[in-house]
Amino acid sequence: AGGGVISWMNPSGAHADFSDAVDKTVERAARLLDAKAKSKRDT
């Protein structure tokens, strides 16, 4: 809203795969650190 920029995308399969991989990595790392993590994906 401030900069007047509107952008959008159509993600590829590889893009979706690595987004999902980030979720799995962060959740496991947080658990190993004895910390809670809540994924909000593309909110």
All heavy atoms as atom14 arrays in JSON, in Angstrom:
{
  "sequence": "AGGGVISWMNPSGAHADFSDAVDKTVERAARLLDAKAKSKRDT",
  "atom14_mask": [
    [1, 1, 1, 1, 1, 0, 0, 0, 0, 0, 0, 0, 0, 0],
    [1, 1, 1, 1, 0, 0, 0, 0, 0, 0, 0, 0, 0, 0],
    [1, 1, 1, 1, 0, 0, 0, 0, 0, 0, 0, 0, 0, 0],
    [1, 1, 1, 1, 0, 0, 0, 0, 0, 0, 0, 0, 0, 0],
    [1, 1, 1, 1, 1, 1, 1, 0, 0, 0, 0, 0, 0, 0],
    [1, 1, 1, 1, 1, 1, 1, 1, 0, 0, 0, 0, 0, 0],
    [1, 1, 1, 1, 1, 1, 0, 0, 0, 0, 0, 0, 0, 0],
    [1, 1, 1, 1, 1, 1, 1, 1, 1, 1, 1, 1, 1, 1],
    [1, 1, 1, 1, 1, 1, 1, 1, 0, 0, 0, 0, 0, 0],
    [1, 1, 1, 1, 1, 1, 1, 1, 0, 0, 0, 0, 0, 0],
    [1, 1, 1, 1, 1, 1, 1, 0, 0, 0, 0, 0, 0, 0],
    [1, 1, 1, 1, 1, 1, 0, 0, 0, 0, 0, 0, 0, 0],
    [1, 1, 1, 1, 0, 0, 0, 0, 0, 0, 0, 0, 0, 0],
    [1, 1, 1, 1, 1, 0, 0, 0, 0, 0, 0, 0, 0, 0],
    [1, 1, 1, 1, 1, 1, 1, 1, 1, 1, 0, 0, 0, 0],
    [1, 1, 1, 1, 1, 0, 0, 0, 0, 0, 0, 0, 0, 0],
    [1, 1, 1, 1, 1, 1, 1, 1, 0, 0, 0, 0, 0, 0],
    [1, 1, 1, 1, 1, 1, 1, 1, 1, 1, 1, 0, 0, 0],
    [1, 1, 1, 1, 1, 1, 0, 0, 0, 0, 0, 0, 0, 0],
    [1, 1, 1, 1, 1, 1, 1, 1, 0, 0, 0, 0, 0, 0],
    [1, 1, 1, 1, 1, 0, 0, 0, 0, 0, 0, 0, 0, 0],
    [1, 1, 1, 1, 1, 1, 1, 0, 0, 0, 0, 0, 0, 0],
    [1, 1, 1, 1, 1, 1, 1, 1, 0, 0, 0, 0, 0, 0],
    [1, 1, 1, 1, 1, 1, 1, 1, 1, 0, 0, 0, 0, 0],
    [1, 1, 1, 1, 1, 1, 1, 0, 0, 0, 0, 0, 0, 0],
    [1, 1, 1, 1, 1, 1, 1, 0, 0, 0, 0, 0, 0, 0],
    [1, 1, 1, 1, 1, 1, 1, 1, 1, 0, 0, 0, 0, 0],
    [1, 1, 1, 1, 1, 1, 1, 1, 1, 1, 1, 0, 0, 0],
    [1, 1, 1, 1, 1, 0, 0, 0, 0, 0, 0, 0, 0, 0],
    [1, 1, 1, 1, 1, 0, 0, 0, 0, 0, 0, 0, 0, 0],
    [1, 1, 1, 1, 1, 1, 1, 1, 1, 1, 1, 0, 0, 0],
    [1, 1, 1, 1, 1, 1, 1, 1, 0, 0, 0, 0, 0, 0],
    [1, 1, 1, 1, 1, 1, 1, 1, 0, 0, 0, 0, 0, 0],
    [1, 1, 1, 1, 1, 1, 1, 1, 0, 0, 0, 0, 0, 0],
    [1, 1, 1, 1, 1, 0, 0, 0, 0, 0, 0, 0, 0, 0],
    [1, 1, 1, 1, 1, 1, 1, 1, 1, 0, 0, 0, 0, 0],
    [1, 1, 1, 1, 1, 0, 0, 0, 0, 0, 0, 0, 0, 0],
    [1, 1, 1, 1, 1, 1, 1, 1, 1, 0, 0, 0, 0, 0],
    [1, 1, 1, 1, 1, 1, 0, 0, 0, 0, 0, 0, 0, 0],
    [1, 1, 1, 1, 1, 1, 1, 1, 1, 0, 0, 0, 0, 0],
    [1, 1, 1, 1, 1, 1, 1, 1, 1, 1, 1, 0, 0, 0],
    [1, 1, 1, 1, 1, 1, 1, 1, 0, 0, 0, 0, 0, 0],
    [1, 1, 1, 1, 1, 1, 1, 0, 0, 0, 0, 0, 0, 0]
  ],
  "atom14_positions": [
    [[0.82, -1.21, 0.0], [0.0, 0.0, 0.0], [0.85, 1.26, 0.0], [0.48, 2.28, -0.58], [-0.93, -0.01, 1.22], [0.0, 0.0, 0.0], [0.0, 0.0, 0.0], [0.0, 0.0, 0.0], [0.0, 0.0, 0.0], [0.0, 0.0, 0.0], [0.0, 0.0, 0.0], [0.0, 0.0, 0.0], [0.0, 0.0, 0.0], [0.0, 0.0, 0.0]],
    [[1.99, 1.22, 0.67], [2.83, 2.41, 0.76], [3.59, 2.7, -0.52], [3.7, 3.85, -0.94], [0.0, 0.0, 0.0], [0.0, 0.0, 0.0], [0.0, 0.0, 0.0], [0.0, 0.0, 0.0], [0.0, 0.0, 0.0], [0.0, 0.0, 0.0], [0.0, 0.0, 0.0], [0.0, 0.0, 0.0], [0.0, 0.0, 0.0], [0.0, 0.0, 0.0]],
    [[4.12, 1.65, -1.15], [4.93, 1.85, -2.34], [4.18, 1.79, -3.64], [4.74, 2.11, -4.7], [0.0, 0.0, 0.0], [0.0, 0.0, 0.0], [0.0, 0.0, 0.0], [0.0, 0.0, 0.0], [0.0, 0.0, 0.0], [0.0, 0.0, 0.0], [0.0, 0.0, 0.0], [0.0, 0.0, 0.0], [0.0, 0.0, 0.0], [0.0, 0.0, 0.0]],
    [[2.91, 1.38, -3.61], [2.14, 1.29, -4.83], [2.6, 0.17, -5.74], [2.55, 0.29, -6.97], [0.0, 0.0, 0.0], [0.0, 0.0, 0.0], [0.0, 0.0, 0.0], [0.0, 0.0, 0.0], [0.0, 0.0, 0.0], [0.0, 0.0, 0.0], [0.0, 0.0, 0.0], [0.0, 0.0, 0.0], [0.0, 0.0, 0.0], [0.0, 0.0, 0.0]],
    [[3.05, -0.94, -5.15], [3.54, -2.08, -5.93], [2.6, -3.27, -5.73], [2.25, -3.61, -4.6], [4.96, -2.48, -5.5], [5.4, -3.75, -6.23], [5.93, -1.35, -5.77], [0.0, 0.0, 0.0], [0.0, 0.0, 0.0], [0.0, 0.0, 0.0], [0.0, 0.0, 0.0], [0.0, 0.0, 0.0], [0.0, 0.0, 0.0], [0.0, 0.0, 0.0]],
    [[2.17, -3.87, -6.83], [1.36, -5.09, -6.78], [2.12, -6.14, -7.58], [2.45, -5.93, -8.74], [-0.03, -4.86, -7.39], [-0.78, -3.77, -6.62], [-0.84, -6.16, -7.36], [-2.11, -3.37, -7.24], [0.0, 0.0, 0.0], [0.0, 0.0, 0.0], [0.0, 0.0, 0.0], [0.0, 0.0, 0.0], [0.0, 0.0, 0.0], [0.0, 0.0, 0.0]],
    [[2.43, -7.26, -6.93], [3.12, -8.34, -7.62], [2.46, -9.66, -7.3], [1.84, -9.82, -6.24], [4.61, -8.37, -7.23], [4.77, -8.62, -5.85], [0.0, 0.0, 0.0], [0.0, 0.0, 0.0], [0.0, 0.0, 0.0], [0.0, 0.0, 0.0], [0.0, 0.0, 0.0], [0.0, 0.0, 0.0], [0.0, 0.0, 0.0], [0.0, 0.0, 0.0]],
    [[2.54, -10.59, -8.22], [1.93, -11.89, -8.01], [2.74, -12.94, -8.76], [3.59, -12.64, -9.6], [0.47, -11.9, -8.43], [0.19, -11.62, -9.87], [-0.03, -12.52, -10.87], [0.07, -10.33, -10.5], [-0.28, -11.9, -12.06], [-0.23, -10.55, -11.87], [0.19, -9.02, -10.05], [-0.39, -9.51, -12.78], [0.02, -7.98, -10.95], [-0.27, -8.23, -12.29]],
    [[2.52, -14.19, -8.39], [3.3, -15.26, -8.99], [2.48, -16.54, -9.08], [1.49, -16.71, -8.38], [4.55, -15.53, -8.14], [4.26, -16.11, -6.77], [5.74, -16.72, -5.9], [6.19, -18.09, -6.96], [0.0, 0.0, 0.0], [0.0, 0.0, 0.0], [0.0, 0.0, 0.0], [0.0, 0.0, 0.0], [0.0, 0.0, 0.0], [0.0, 0.0, 0.0]],
    [[2.92, -17.43, -9.95], [2.43, -18.8, -10.01], [3.61, -19.7, -9.7], [4.54, -19.82, -10.51], [1.87, -19.13, -11.39], [0.5, -18.51, -11.61], [-0.29, -18.43, -10.69], [0.24, -18.06, -12.83], [0.0, 0.0, 0.0], [0.0, 0.0, 0.0], [0.0, 0.0, 0.0], [0.0, 0.0, 0.0], [0.0, 0.0, 0.0], [0.0, 0.0, 0.0]],
    [[3.65, -20.34, -8.51], [4.82, -21.14, -8.14], [4.91, -22.44, -8.91], [3.91, -23.06, -9.25], [4.6, -21.4, -6.64], [3.12, -21.29, -6.45], [2.64, -20.27, -7.44], [0.0, 0.0, 0.0], [0.0, 0.0, 0.0], [0.0, 0.0, 0.0], [0.0, 0.0, 0.0], [0.0, 0.0, 0.0], [0.0, 0.0, 0.0], [0.0, 0.0, 0.0]],
    [[6.14, -22.85, -9.18], [6.41, -24.12, -9.85], [6.36, -25.25, -8.82], [6.27, -25.03, -7.61], [7.79, -24.08, -10.49], [8.79, -23.99, -9.47], [0.0, 0.0, 0.0], [0.0, 0.0, 0.0], [0.0, 0.0, 0.0], [0.0, 0.0, 0.0], [0.0, 0.0, 0.0], [0.0, 0.0, 0.0], [0.0, 0.0, 0.0], [0.0, 0.0, 0.0]],
    [[6.47, -26.49, -9.32], [6.52, -27.63, -8.41], [7.73, -27.58, -7.5], [7.64, -27.87, -6.3], [0.0, 0.0, 0.0], [0.0, 0.0, 0.0], [0.0, 0.0, 0.0], [0.0, 0.0, 0.0], [0.0, 0.0, 0.0], [0.0, 0.0, 0.0], [0.0, 0.0, 0.0], [0.0, 0.0, 0.0], [0.0, 0.0, 0.0], [0.0, 0.0, 0.0]],
    [[8.9, -27.2, -8.04], [10.1, -27.11, -7.22], [9.95, -26.03, -6.15], [10.37, -26.21, -5.0], [11.31, -26.81, -8.1], [0.0, 0.0, 0.0], [0.0, 0.0, 0.0], [0.0, 0.0, 0.0], [0.0, 0.0, 0.0], [0.0, 0.0, 0.0], [0.0, 0.0, 0.0], [0.0, 0.0, 0.0], [0.0, 0.0, 0.0], [0.0, 0.0, 0.0]],
    [[9.34, -24.93, -6.52], [9.08, -23.86, -5.56], [8.22, -24.37, -4.4], [8.53, -24.14, -3.23], [8.37, -22.7, -6.28], [8.15, -21.49, -5.44], [8.73, -20.28, -5.72], [7.41, -21.29, -4.32], [8.36, -19.39, -4.82], [7.55, -19.99, -3.97], [0.0, 0.0, 0.0], [0.0, 0.0, 0.0], [0.0, 0.0, 0.0], [0.0, 0.0, 0.0]],
    [[7.15, -25.06, -4.72], [6.27, -25.6, -3.68], [7.0, -26.63, -2.82], [6.82, -26.68, -1.6], [5.04, -26.23, -4.32], [0.0, 0.0, 0.0], [0.0, 0.0, 0.0], [0.0, 0.0, 0.0], [0.0, 0.0, 0.0], [0.0, 0.0, 0.0], [0.0, 0.0, 0.0], [0.0, 0.0, 0.0], [0.0, 0.0, 0.0], [0.0, 0.0, 0.0]],
    [[7.85, -27.45, -3.46], [8.6, -28.47, -2.71], [9.51, -27.83, -1.67], [9.58, -28.29, -0.52], [9.46, -29.3, -3.67], [8.66, -30.28, -4.5], [7.46, -30.47, -4.2], [9.23, -30.85, -5.45], [0.0, 0.0, 0.0], [0.0, 0.0, 0.0], [0.0, 0.0, 0.0], [0.0, 0.0, 0.0], [0.0, 0.0, 0.0], [0.0, 0.0, 0.0]],
    [[10.24, -26.8, -2.06], [11.18, -26.18, -1.12], [10.45, -25.37, -0.04], [10.93, -25.27, 1.08], [12.21, -25.34, -1.87], [13.33, -26.15, -2.43], [13.41, -26.39, -3.79], [14.28, -26.72, -1.6], [14.43, -27.18, -4.32], [15.3, -27.5, -2.11], [15.38, -27.74, -3.48], [0.0, 0.0, 0.0], [0.0, 0.0, 0.0], [0.0, 0.0, 0.0]],
    [[9.29, -24.82, -0.37], [8.49, -24.16, 0.66], [8.07, -25.16, 1.72], [8.12, -24.9, 2.93], [7.25, -23.5, 0.04], [7.62, -22.51, -0.9], [0.0, 0.0, 0.0], [0.0, 0.0, 0.0], [0.0, 0.0, 0.0], [0.0, 0.0, 0.0], [0.0, 0.0, 0.0], [0.0, 0.0, 0.0], [0.0, 0.0, 0.0], [0.0, 0.0, 0.0]],
    [[7.64, -26.34, 1.27], [7.26, -27.41, 2.2], [8.47, -27.9, 2.99], [8.38, -28.19, 4.19], [6.64, -28.57, 1.41], [6.22, -29.72, 2.31], [5.28, -29.54, 3.1], [6.83, -30.8, 2.22], [0.0, 0.0, 0.0], [0.0, 0.0, 0.0], [0.0, 0.0, 0.0], [0.0, 0.0, 0.0], [0.0, 0.0, 0.0], [0.0, 0.0, 0.0]],
    [[9.64, -27.97, 2.34], [10.86, -28.41, 3.01], [11.25, -27.44, 4.12], [11.77, -27.85, 5.16], [12.0, -28.55, 2.0], [0.0, 0.0, 0.0], [0.0, 0.0, 0.0], [0.0, 0.0, 0.0], [0.0, 0.0, 0.0], [0.0, 0.0, 0.0], [0.0, 0.0, 0.0], [0.0, 0.0, 0.0], [0.0, 0.0, 0.0], [0.0, 0.0, 0.0]],
    [[11.01, -26.15, 3.89], [11.3, -25.16, 4.93], [10.43, -25.43, 6.16], [10.93, -25.41, 7.3], [11.04, -23.73, 4.41], [10.98, -22.73, 5.55], [12.1, -23.33, 3.4], [0.0, 0.0, 0.0], [0.0, 0.0, 0.0], [0.0, 0.0, 0.0], [0.0, 0.0, 0.0], [0.0, 0.0, 0.0], [0.0, 0.0, 0.0], [0.0, 0.0, 0.0]],
    [[9.16, -25.69, 5.95], [8.26, -26.01, 7.07], [8.8, -27.17, 7.9], [8.89, -27.1, 9.12], [6.88, -26.38, 6.54], [5.88, -25.24, 6.64], [6.28, -24.14, 7.02], [4.7, -25.47, 6.34], [0.0, 0.0, 0.0], [0.0, 0.0, 0.0], [0.0, 0.0, 0.0], [0.0, 0.0, 0.0], [0.0, 0.0, 0.0], [0.0, 0.0, 0.0]],
    [[9.16, -28.24, 7.22], [9.62, -29.44, 7.93], [10.94, -29.18, 8.66], [11.16, -29.68, 9.77], [9.76, -30.59, 6.94], [8.42, -31.09, 6.4], [8.6, -32.2, 5.39], [7.26, -32.88, 5.05], [6.26, -31.96, 4.53], [0.0, 0.0, 0.0], [0.0, 0.0, 0.0], [0.0, 0.0, 0.0], [0.0, 0.0, 0.0], [0.0, 0.0, 0.0]],
    [[11.81, -28.39, 8.05], [13.11, -28.1, 8.67], [12.96, -27.22, 9.9], [13.55, -27.49, 10.95], [14.03, -27.43, 7.64], [14.24, -28.33, 6.53], [15.38, -27.08, 8.25], [0.0, 0.0, 0.0], [0.0, 0.0, 0.0], [0.0, 0.0, 0.0], [0.0, 0.0, 0.0], [0.0, 0.0, 0.0], [0.0, 0.0, 0.0], [0.0, 0.0, 0.0]],
    [[12.17, -26.17, 9.78], [12.0, -25.25, 10.91], [11.31, -25.95, 12.08], [11.72, -25.8, 13.25], [11.19, -24.0, 10.48], [10.77, -23.17, 11.69], [12.02, -23.15, 9.52], [0.0, 0.0, 0.0], [0.0, 0.0, 0.0], [0.0, 0.0, 0.0], [0.0, 0.0, 0.0], [0.0, 0.0, 0.0], [0.0, 0.0, 0.0], [0.0, 0.0, 0.0]],
    [[10.29, -26.72, 11.8], [9.57, -27.41, 12.88], [10.48, -28.39, 13.62], [10.46, -28.47, 14.85], [8.34, -28.12, 12.31], [7.26, -27.13, 11.89], [6.14, -27.79, 11.08], [6.27, -28.99, 10.78], [5.16, -27.08, 10.76], [0.0, 0.0, 0.0], [0.0, 0.0, 0.0], [0.0, 0.0, 0.0], [0.0, 0.0, 0.0], [0.0, 0.0, 0.0]],
    [[11.32, -29.12, 12.89], [12.23, -30.06, 13.55], [13.33, -29.34, 14.31], [13.72, -29.76, 15.41], [12.83, -31.02, 12.5], [11.85, -32.12, 12.08], [12.33, -32.86, 10.85], [11.5, -34.05, 10.6], [10.3, -34.03, 10.07], [9.75, -32.86, 9.73], [9.62, -35.14, 9.88], [0.0, 0.0, 0.0], [0.0, 0.0, 0.0], [0.0, 0.0, 0.0]],
    [[13.85, -28.27, 13.75], [14.9, -27.52, 14.44], [14.36, -26.92, 15.74], [15.03, -26.95, 16.79], [15.44, -26.41, 13.54], [0.0, 0.0, 0.0], [0.0, 0.0, 0.0], [0.0, 0.0, 0.0], [0.0, 0.0, 0.0], [0.0, 0.0, 0.0], [0.0, 0.0, 0.0], [0.0, 0.0, 0.0], [0.0, 0.0, 0.0], [0.0, 0.0, 0.0]],
    [[13.15, -26.37, 15.71], [12.56, -25.81, 16.92], [12.38, -26.88, 17.98], [12.65, -26.65, 19.17], [11.22, -25.15, 16.58], [0.0, 0.0, 0.0], [0.0, 0.0, 0.0], [0.0, 0.0, 0.0], [0.0, 0.0, 0.0], [0.0, 0.0, 0.0], [0.0, 0.0, 0.0], [0.0, 0.0, 0.0], [0.0, 0.0, 0.0], [0.0, 0.0, 0.0]],
    [[11.92, -28.05, 17.57], [11.73, -29.13, 18.54], [13.05, -29.53, 19.19], [13.12, -29.76, 20.4], [11.08, -30.33, 17.85], [10.71, -31.45, 18.83], [9.87, -32.52, 18.17], [10.56, -33.21, 17.12], [10.24, -33.15, 15.82], [9.21, -32.41, 15.43], [10.91, -33.83, 14.92], [0.0, 0.0, 0.0], [0.0, 0.0, 0.0], [0.0, 0.0, 0.0]],
    [[14.12, -29.59, 18.4], [15.43, -29.93, 18.94], [15.94, -28.85, 19.89], [16.74, -29.14, 20.8], [16.43, -30.14, 17.8], [16.22, -31.43, 16.97], [17.03, -31.38, 15.69], [16.6, -32.66, 17.79], [0.0, 0.0, 0.0], [0.0, 0.0, 0.0], [0.0, 0.0, 0.0], [0.0, 0.0, 0.0], [0.0, 0.0, 0.0], [0.0, 0.0, 0.0]],
    [[15.51, -27.63, 19.7], [15.88, -26.53, 20.59], [14.92, -26.4, 21.77], [15.03, -25.47, 22.56], [15.91, -25.21, 19.81], [17.06, -25.03, 18.82], [16.81, -23.83, 17.93], [18.39, -24.88, 19.57], [0.0, 0.0, 0.0], [0.0, 0.0, 0.0], [0.0, 0.0, 0.0], [0.0, 0.0, 0.0], [0.0, 0.0, 0.0], [0.0, 0.0, 0.0]],
    [[13.99, -27.34, 21.86], [12.97, -27.33, 22.92], [12.17, -26.04, 22.89], [11.88, -25.44, 23.93], [13.63, -27.52, 24.29], [12.62, -27.92, 25.37], [11.58, -28.52, 25.01], [12.85, -27.62, 26.56], [0.0, 0.0, 0.0], [0.0, 0.0, 0.0], [0.0, 0.0, 0.0], [0.0, 0.0, 0.0], [0.0, 0.0, 0.0], [0.0, 0.0, 0.0]],
    [[11.82, -25.62, 21.69], [11.04, -24.39, 21.5], [9.8, -24.72, 20.67], [9.83, -25.61, 19.82], [11.86, -23.32, 20.8], [0.0, 0.0, 0.0], [0.0, 0.0, 0.0], [0.0, 0.0, 0.0], [0.0, 0.0, 0.0], [0.0, 0.0, 0.0], [0.0, 0.0, 0.0], [0.0, 0.0, 0.0], [0.0, 0.0, 0.0], [0.0, 0.0, 0.0]],
    [[8.73, -24.0, 20.94], [7.54, -24.16, 20.12], [7.73, -23.41, 18.8], [8.41, -22.39, 18.74], [6.31, -23.62, 20.85], [5.68, -24.6, 21.84], [4.33, -24.11, 22.28], [3.67, -25.09, 23.22], [3.35, -26.36, 22.55], [0.0, 0.0, 0.0], [0.0, 0.0, 0.0], [0.0, 0.0, 0.0], [0.0, 0.0, 0.0], [0.0, 0.0, 0.0]],
    [[7.1, -23.92, 17.77], [7.06, -23.23, 16.48], [5.66, -23.38, 15.91], [5.08, -24.47, 15.97], [8.08, -23.8, 15.52], [0.0, 0.0, 0.0], [0.0, 0.0, 0.0], [0.0, 0.0, 0.0], [0.0, 0.0, 0.0], [0.0, 0.0, 0.0], [0.0, 0.0, 0.0], [0.0, 0.0, 0.0], [0.0, 0.0, 0.0], [0.0, 0.0, 0.0]],
    [[5.13, -22.32, 15.38], [3.82, -22.35, 14.73], [3.98, -21.86, 13.3], [4.3, -20.69, 13.06], [2.82, -21.47, 15.49], [1.47, -21.31, 14.77], [0.82, -22.65, 14.47], [-0.44, -22.48, 13.6], [-1.01, -23.79, 13.21], [0.0, 0.0, 0.0], [0.0, 0.0, 0.0], [0.0, 0.0, 0.0], [0.0, 0.0, 0.0], [0.0, 0.0, 0.0]],
    [[3.76, -22.75, 12.35], [3.82, -22.37, 10.95], [2.55, -21.63, 10.55], [1.44, -22.09, 10.84], [3.99, -23.6, 10.07], [3.82, -23.27, 8.71], [0.0, 0.0, 0.0], [0.0, 0.0, 0.0], [0.0, 0.0, 0.0], [0.0, 0.0, 0.0], [0.0, 0.0, 0.0], [0.0, 0.0, 0.0], [0.0, 0.0, 0.0], [0.0, 0.0, 0.0]],
    [[2.71, -20.51, 9.88], [1.57, -19.76, 9.33], [1.6, -19.73, 7.81], [0.86, -18.98, 7.19], [1.57, -18.33, 9.89], [1.28, -18.25, 11.38], [-0.07, -18.85, 11.75], [-1.21, -18.14, 11.06], [-2.53, -18.76, 11.4], [0.0, 0.0, 0.0], [0.0, 0.0, 0.0], [0.0, 0.0, 0.0], [0.0, 0.0, 0.0], [0.0, 0.0, 0.0]],
    [[2.49, -20.53, 7.23], [2.61, -20.68, 5.78], [2.55, -19.33, 5.07], [3.32, -18.43, 5.37], [1.54, -21.64, 5.26], [1.67, -23.05, 5.77], [3.0, -23.69, 5.46], [3.35, -23.76, 4.09], [3.22, -24.84, 3.32], [2.7, -25.94, 3.81], [3.6, -24.83, 2.07], [0.0, 0.0, 0.0], [0.0, 0.0, 0.0], [0.0, 0.0, 0.0]],
    [[1.63, -19.17, 4.1], [1.62, -17.95, 3.28], [0.56, -16.95, 3.74], [-0.07, -16.28, 2.92], [1.42, -18.29, 1.81], [0.18, -19.14, 1.58], [-0.48, -19.51, 2.56], [-0.12, -19.43, 0.4], [0.0, 0.0, 0.0], [0.0, 0.0, 0.0], [0.0, 0.0, 0.0], [0.0, 0.0, 0.0], [0.0, 0.0, 0.0], [0.0, 0.0, 0.0]],
    [[0.38, -16.84, 5.05], [-0.51, -15.81, 5.59], [-0.11, -14.43, 5.07], [1.08, -14.13, 4.94], [-0.44, -15.81, 7.14], [-0.94, -17.07, 7.61], [-1.26, -14.68, 7.74], [0.0, 0.0, 0.0], [0.0, 0.0, 0.0], [0.0, 0.0, 0.0], [0.0, 0.0, 0.0], [0.0, 0.0, 0.0], [0.0, 0.0, 0.0], [0.0, 0.0, 0.0]]
  ]
}
